[in-house]
Amino acid sequence: MAVPKKRTSKQRKRKRRTHHVAAATAHQACPRCGDPRRPHRVCPTCGHYGEREIVRTEEF
């Protein structure tokens, strides 16, 4: 069985993992109210998805 001859240093390990990062979440403007929202999700501000009202929101 293959066994490493030397221990991998912290620096070498961290250099290898530089690309292991979470991708930024995508946002687009809601066509109804213009606020940013995630694609294919209900708008948290106005509660609409496409042309339909899914969640009824109260306006203060």
PDB file of N, CA and C in Angstrom:
ATOM      1  N   MET A   1       0.845  -1.185   0.000  1.00  0.00           N
ATOM      2  CA  MET A   1       0.000   0.000   0.000  1.00  0.00           C
ATOM      3  C   MET A   1       0.885   1.242   0.000  1.00  0.00           C
ATOM      4  N   ALA A   2       0.492   2.239  -0.791  1.00  0.00           N
ATOM      5  CA  ALA A   2       1.290   3.467  -0.903  1.00  0.00           C
ATOM      6  C   ALA A   2       1.103   4.332   0.335  1.00  0.00           C
ATOM      7  N   VAL A   3       2.234   4.753   0.896  1.00  0.00           N
ATOM      8  CA  VAL A   3       2.219   5.600   2.082  1.00  0.00           C
ATOM      9  C   VAL A   3       3.095   6.812   1.792  1.00  0.00           C
ATOM     10  N   PRO A   4       2.647   8.029   2.116  1.00  0.00           N
ATOM     11  CA  PRO A   4       3.484   9.201   1.854  1.00  0.00           C
ATOM     12  C   PRO A   4       4.764   9.165   2.683  1.00  0.00           C
ATOM     13  N   LYS A   5       5.873   9.549   2.049  1.00  0.00           N
ATOM     14  CA  LYS A   5       7.154   9.541   2.755  1.00  0.00           C
ATOM     15  C   LYS A   5       7.255  10.689   3.739  1.00  0.00           C
ATOM     16  N   LYS A   6       6.730  11.837   3.360  1.00  0.00           N
ATOM     17  CA  LYS A   6       6.820  13.012   4.221  1.00  0.00           C
ATOM     18  C   LYS A   6       5.423  13.568   4.480  1.00  0.00           C
ATOM     19  N   ARG A   7       5.296  14.248   5.586  1.00  0.00           N
ATOM     20  CA  ARG A   7       4.028  14.864   5.960  1.00  0.00           C
ATOM     21  C   ARG A   7       3.749  16.071   5.058  1.00  0.00           C
ATOM     22  N   THR A   8       2.507  16.258   4.672  1.00  0.00           N
ATOM     23  CA  THR A   8       2.120  17.423   3.878  1.00  0.00           C
ATOM     24  C   THR A   8       2.029  18.627   4.799  1.00  0.00           C
ATOM     25  N   SER A   9       2.758  19.688   4.445  1.00  0.00           N
ATOM     26  CA  SER A   9       2.783  20.873   5.298  1.00  0.00           C
ATOM     27  C   SER A   9       1.451  21.625   5.219  1.00  0.00           C
ATOM     28  N   LYS A  10       1.211  22.484   6.199  1.00  0.00           N
ATOM     29  CA  LYS A  10      -0.013  23.286   6.216  1.00  0.00           C
ATOM     30  C   LYS A  10      -0.080  24.189   4.991  1.00  0.00           C
ATOM     31  N   GLN A  11       1.054  24.755   4.629  1.00  0.00           N
ATOM     32  CA  GLN A  11       1.095  25.678   3.500  1.00  0.00           C
ATOM     33  C   GLN A  11       0.746  24.948   2.199  1.00  0.00           C
ATOM     34  N   ARG A  12       1.319  23.779   1.999  1.00  0.00           N
ATOM     35  CA  ARG A  12       1.054  23.012   0.779  1.00  0.00           C
ATOM     36  C   ARG A  12      -0.410  22.571   0.722  1.00  0.00           C
ATOM     37  N   LYS A  13      -0.950  22.168   1.861  1.00  0.00           N
ATOM     38  CA  LYS A  13      -2.343  21.748   1.953  1.00  0.00           C
ATOM     39  C   LYS A  13      -3.268  22.916   1.628  1.00  0.00           C
ATOM     40  N   ARG A  14      -2.966  24.095   2.171  1.00  0.00           N
ATOM     41  CA  ARG A  14      -3.809  25.274   1.953  1.00  0.00           C
ATOM     42  C   ARG A  14      -3.706  25.789   0.525  1.00  0.00           C
ATOM     43  N   LYS A  15      -2.528  25.654  -0.092  1.00  0.00           N
ATOM     44  CA  LYS A  15      -2.382  26.043  -1.499  1.00  0.00           C
ATOM     45  C   LYS A  15      -3.264  25.179  -2.392  1.00  0.00           C
ATOM     46  N   ARG A  16      -3.365  23.921  -2.065  1.00  0.00           N
ATOM     47  CA  ARG A  16      -4.177  22.993  -2.849  1.00  0.00           C
ATOM     48  C   ARG A  16      -5.666  23.311  -2.710  1.00  0.00           C
ATOM     49  N   ARG A  17      -6.055  23.813  -1.546  1.00  0.00           N
ATOM     50  CA  ARG A  17      -7.473  24.057  -1.272  1.00  0.00           C
ATOM     51  C   ARG A  17      -7.920  25.480  -1.582  1.00  0.00           C
ATOM     52  N   THR A  18      -7.139  26.254  -2.306  1.00  0.00           N
ATOM     53  CA  THR A  18      -7.516  27.641  -2.585  1.00  0.00           C
ATOM     54  C   THR A  18      -8.760  27.738  -3.455  1.00  0.00           C
ATOM     55  N   HIS A  19      -9.040  26.714  -4.253  1.00  0.00           N
ATOM     56  CA  HIS A  19     -10.200  26.759  -5.148  1.00  0.00           C
ATOM     57  C   HIS A  19     -11.446  26.152  -4.515  1.00  0.00           C
ATOM     58  N   HIS A  20     -11.360  25.649  -3.292  1.00  0.00           N
ATOM     59  CA  HIS A  20     -12.510  25.062  -2.617  1.00  0.00           C
ATOM     60  C   HIS A  20     -13.290  26.168  -1.904  1.00  0.00           C
ATOM     61  N   VAL A  21     -14.034  26.909  -2.662  1.00  0.00           N
ATOM     62  CA  VAL A  21     -14.781  28.028  -2.094  1.00  0.00           C
ATOM     63  C   VAL A  21     -16.208  27.980  -2.639  1.00  0.00           C
ATOM     64  N   ALA A  22     -17.158  28.393  -1.837  1.00  0.00           N
ATOM     65  CA  ALA A  22     -18.556  28.389  -2.260  1.00  0.00           C
ATOM     66  C   ALA A  22     -18.790  29.461  -3.316  1.00  0.00           C
ATOM     67  N   ALA A  23     -19.600  29.137  -4.293  1.00  0.00           N
ATOM     68  CA  ALA A  23     -19.926  30.095  -5.357  1.00  0.00           C
ATOM     69  C   ALA A  23     -20.905  31.141  -4.829  1.00  0.00           C
ATOM     70  N   ALA A  24     -20.804  32.346  -5.348  1.00  0.00           N
ATOM     71  CA  ALA A  24     -21.708  33.420  -4.944  1.00  0.00           C
ATOM     72  C   ALA A  24     -23.116  33.115  -5.460  1.00  0.00           C
ATOM     73  N   THR A  25     -24.129  33.452  -4.655  1.00  0.00           N
ATOM     74  CA  THR A  25     -25.500  33.183  -5.056  1.00  0.00           C
ATOM     75  C   THR A  25     -25.925  34.163  -6.140  1.00  0.00           C
ATOM     76  N   ALA A  26     -26.663  33.658  -7.115  1.00  0.00           N
ATOM     77  CA  ALA A  26     -27.132  34.479  -8.226  1.00  0.00           C
ATOM     78  C   ALA A  26     -28.386  35.249  -7.801  1.00  0.00           C
ATOM     79  N   HIS A  27     -28.490  36.486  -8.242  1.00  0.00           N
ATOM     80  CA  HIS A  27     -29.663  37.313  -7.979  1.00  0.00           C
ATOM     81  C   HIS A  27     -30.080  37.985  -9.277  1.00  0.00           C
ATOM     82  N   GLN A  28     -31.383  38.218  -9.417  1.00  0.00           N
ATOM     83  CA  GLN A  28     -31.902  38.976 -10.543  1.00  0.00           C
ATOM     84  C   GLN A  28     -33.045  39.851 -10.049  1.00  0.00           C
ATOM     85  N   ALA A  29     -33.363  40.859 -10.810  1.00  0.00           N
ATOM     86  CA  ALA A  29     -34.414  41.792 -10.407  1.00  0.00           C
ATOM     87  C   ALA A  29     -35.790  41.160 -10.606  1.00  0.00           C
ATOM     88  N   CYS A  30     -36.659  41.380  -9.638  1.00  0.00           N
ATOM     89  CA  CYS A  30     -38.040  40.903  -9.746  1.00  0.00           C
ATOM     90  C   CYS A  30     -38.732  41.714 -10.838  1.00  0.00           C
ATOM     91  N   PRO A  31     -39.428  41.072 -11.782  1.00  0.00           N
ATOM     92  CA  PRO A  31     -40.073  41.840 -12.866  1.00  0.00           C
ATOM     93  C   PRO A  31     -41.233  42.705 -12.374  1.00  0.00           C
ATOM     94  N   ARG A  32     -41.778  42.393 -11.200  1.00  0.00           N
ATOM     95  CA  ARG A  32     -42.926  43.163 -10.702  1.00  0.00           C
ATOM     96  C   ARG A  32     -42.499  44.361  -9.853  1.00  0.00           C
ATOM     97  N   CYS A  33     -41.630  44.121  -8.857  1.00  0.00           N
ATOM     98  CA  CYS A  33     -41.266  45.209  -7.939  1.00  0.00           C
ATOM     99  C   CYS A  33     -39.842  45.708  -8.142  1.00  0.00           C
ATOM    100  N   GLY A  34     -38.995  44.942  -8.827  1.00  0.00           N
ATOM    101  CA  GLY A  34     -37.635  45.393  -9.103  1.00  0.00           C
ATOM    102  C   GLY A  34     -36.616  45.075  -8.023  1.00  0.00           C
ATOM    103  N   ASP A  35     -37.046  44.507  -6.908  1.00  0.00           N
ATOM    104  CA  ASP A  35     -36.106  44.140  -5.843  1.00  0.00           C
ATOM    105  C   ASP A  35     -35.341  42.876  -6.235  1.00  0.00           C
ATOM    106  N   PRO A  36     -34.121  42.710  -5.721  1.00  0.00           N
ATOM    107  CA  PRO A  36     -33.362  41.501  -6.072  1.00  0.00           C
ATOM    108  C   PRO A  36     -33.959  40.260  -5.424  1.00  0.00           C
ATOM    109  N   ARG A  37     -33.932  39.156  -6.182  1.00  0.00           N
ATOM    110  CA  ARG A  37     -34.436  37.880  -5.680  1.00  0.00           C
ATOM    111  C   ARG A  37     -33.651  36.760  -6.339  1.00  0.00           C
ATOM    112  N   ARG A  38     -33.680  35.568  -5.744  1.00  0.00           N
ATOM    113  CA  ARG A  38     -33.024  34.402  -6.320  1.00  0.00           C
ATOM    114  C   ARG A  38     -33.835  33.915  -7.517  1.00  0.00           C
ATOM    115  N   PRO A  39     -33.198  33.415  -8.563  1.00  0.00           N
ATOM    116  CA  PRO A  39     -33.950  32.926  -9.716  1.00  0.00           C
ATOM    117  C   PRO A  39     -34.774  31.681  -9.363  1.00  0.00           C
ATOM    118  N   HIS A  40     -35.952  31.560  -9.958  1.00  0.00           N
ATOM    119  CA  HIS A  40     -36.880  30.445  -9.773  1.00  0.00           C
ATOM    120  C   HIS A  40     -37.371  30.348  -8.338  1.00  0.00           C
ATOM    121  N   ARG A  41     -37.467  31.472  -7.651  1.00  0.00           N
ATOM    122  CA  ARG A  41     -37.986  31.507  -6.283  1.00  0.00           C
ATOM    123  C   ARG A  41     -39.051  32.599  -6.199  1.00  0.00           C
ATOM    124  N   VAL A  42     -39.906  32.513  -5.180  1.00  0.00           N
ATOM    125  CA  VAL A  42     -40.908  33.542  -4.920  1.00  0.00           C
ATOM    126  C   VAL A  42     -40.191  34.784  -4.419  1.00  0.00           C
ATOM    127  N   CYS A  43     -40.613  35.958  -4.884  1.00  0.00           N
ATOM    128  CA  CYS A  43     -40.009  37.216  -4.452  1.00  0.00           C
ATOM    129  C   CYS A  43     -40.359  37.446  -2.981  1.00  0.00           C
ATOM    130  N   PRO A  44     -39.370  37.668  -2.119  1.00  0.00           N
ATOM    131  CA  PRO A  44     -39.681  37.867  -0.695  1.00  0.00           C
ATOM    132  C   PRO A  44     -40.353  39.201  -0.408  1.00  0.00           C
ATOM    133  N   THR A  45     -40.234  40.166  -1.314  1.00  0.00           N
ATOM    134  CA  THR A  45     -40.820  41.483  -1.078  1.00  0.00           C
ATOM    135  C   THR A  45     -42.293  41.528  -1.463  1.00  0.00           C
ATOM    136  N   CYS A  46     -42.604  41.123  -2.707  1.00  0.00           N
ATOM    137  CA  CYS A  46     -43.990  41.247  -3.170  1.00  0.00           C
ATOM    138  C   CYS A  46     -44.752  39.923  -3.138  1.00  0.00           C
ATOM    139  N   GLY A  47     -44.059  38.791  -3.004  1.00  0.00           N
ATOM    140  CA  GLY A  47     -44.730  37.495  -2.886  1.00  0.00           C
ATOM    141  C   GLY A  47     -45.211  36.916  -4.198  1.00  0.00           C
ATOM    142  N   HIS A  48     -44.718  37.422  -5.324  1.00  0.00           N
ATOM    143  CA  HIS A  48     -45.152  36.927  -6.626  1.00  0.00           C
ATOM    144  C   HIS A  48     -44.098  36.016  -7.237  1.00  0.00           C
ATOM    145  N   TYR A  49     -44.572  35.058  -8.035  1.00  0.00           N
ATOM    146  CA  TYR A  49     -43.701  34.208  -8.847  1.00  0.00           C
ATOM    147  C   TYR A  49     -44.283  34.256 -10.251  1.00  0.00           C
ATOM    148  N   GLY A  50     -43.599  34.922 -11.142  1.00  0.00           N
ATOM    149  CA  GLY A  50     -44.155  35.138 -12.472  1.00  0.00           C
ATOM    150  C   GLY A  50     -45.300  36.132 -12.373  1.00  0.00           C
ATOM    151  N   GLU A  51     -46.459  35.748 -12.862  1.00  0.00           N
ATOM    152  CA  GLU A  51     -47.639  36.627 -12.828  1.00  0.00           C
ATOM    153  C   GLU A  51     -48.571  36.292 -11.664  1.00  0.00           C
ATOM    154  N   ARG A  52     -48.283  35.225 -10.921  1.00  0.00           N
ATOM    155  CA  ARG A  52     -49.189  34.786  -9.864  1.00  0.00           C
ATOM    156  C   ARG A  52     -48.723  35.250  -8.493  1.00  0.00           C
ATOM    157  N   GLU A  53     -49.697  35.565  -7.626  1.00  0.00           N
ATOM    158  CA  GLU A  53     -49.378  35.906  -6.249  1.00  0.00           C
ATOM    159  C   GLU A  53     -49.364  34.613  -5.448  1.00  0.00           C
ATOM    160  N   ILE A  54     -48.229  34.228  -4.929  1.00  0.00           N
ATOM    161  CA  ILE A  54     -48.071  32.974  -4.197  1.00  0.00           C
ATOM    162  C   ILE A  54     -48.200  33.208  -2.704  1.00  0.00           C
ATOM    163  N   VAL A  55     -47.526  34.237  -2.213  1.00  0.00           N
ATOM    164  CA  VAL A  55     -47.526  34.554  -0.780  1.00  0.00           C
ATOM    165  C   VAL A  55     -48.134  35.929  -0.616  1.00  0.00           C
ATOM    166  N   ARG A  56     -49.126  36.028   0.250  1.00  0.00           N
ATOM    167  CA  ARG A  56     -49.751  37.324   0.484  1.00  0.00           C
ATOM    168  C   ARG A  56     -48.909  38.088   1.496  1.00  0.00           C
ATOM    169  N   THR A  57     -48.447  39.271   1.117  1.00  0.00           N
ATOM    170  CA  THR A  57     -47.627  40.083   2.002  1.00  0.00           C
ATOM    171  C   THR A  57     -48.432  41.286   2.473  1.00  0.00           C
ATOM    172  N   GLU A  58     -48.205  41.675   3.716  1.00  0.00           N
ATOM    173  CA  GLU A  58     -48.887  42.845   4.272  1.00  0.00           C
ATOM    174  C   GLU A  58     -48.007  44.064   4.096  1.00  0.00           C
ATOM    175  N   GLU A  59     -48.604  45.141   3.685  1.00  0.00           N
ATOM    176  CA  GLU A  59     -47.861  46.395   3.526  1.00  0.00           C
ATOM    177  C   GLU A  59     -48.119  47.262   4.741  1.00  0.00           C
ATOM    178  N   PHE A  60     -47.044  47.803   5.320  1.00  0.00           N
ATOM    179  CA  PHE A  60     -47.174  48.631   6.527  1.00  0.00           C
ATOM    180  C   PHE A  60     -47.175  50.074   6.162  1.00  0.00           C
TER     181      PHE A  60
END
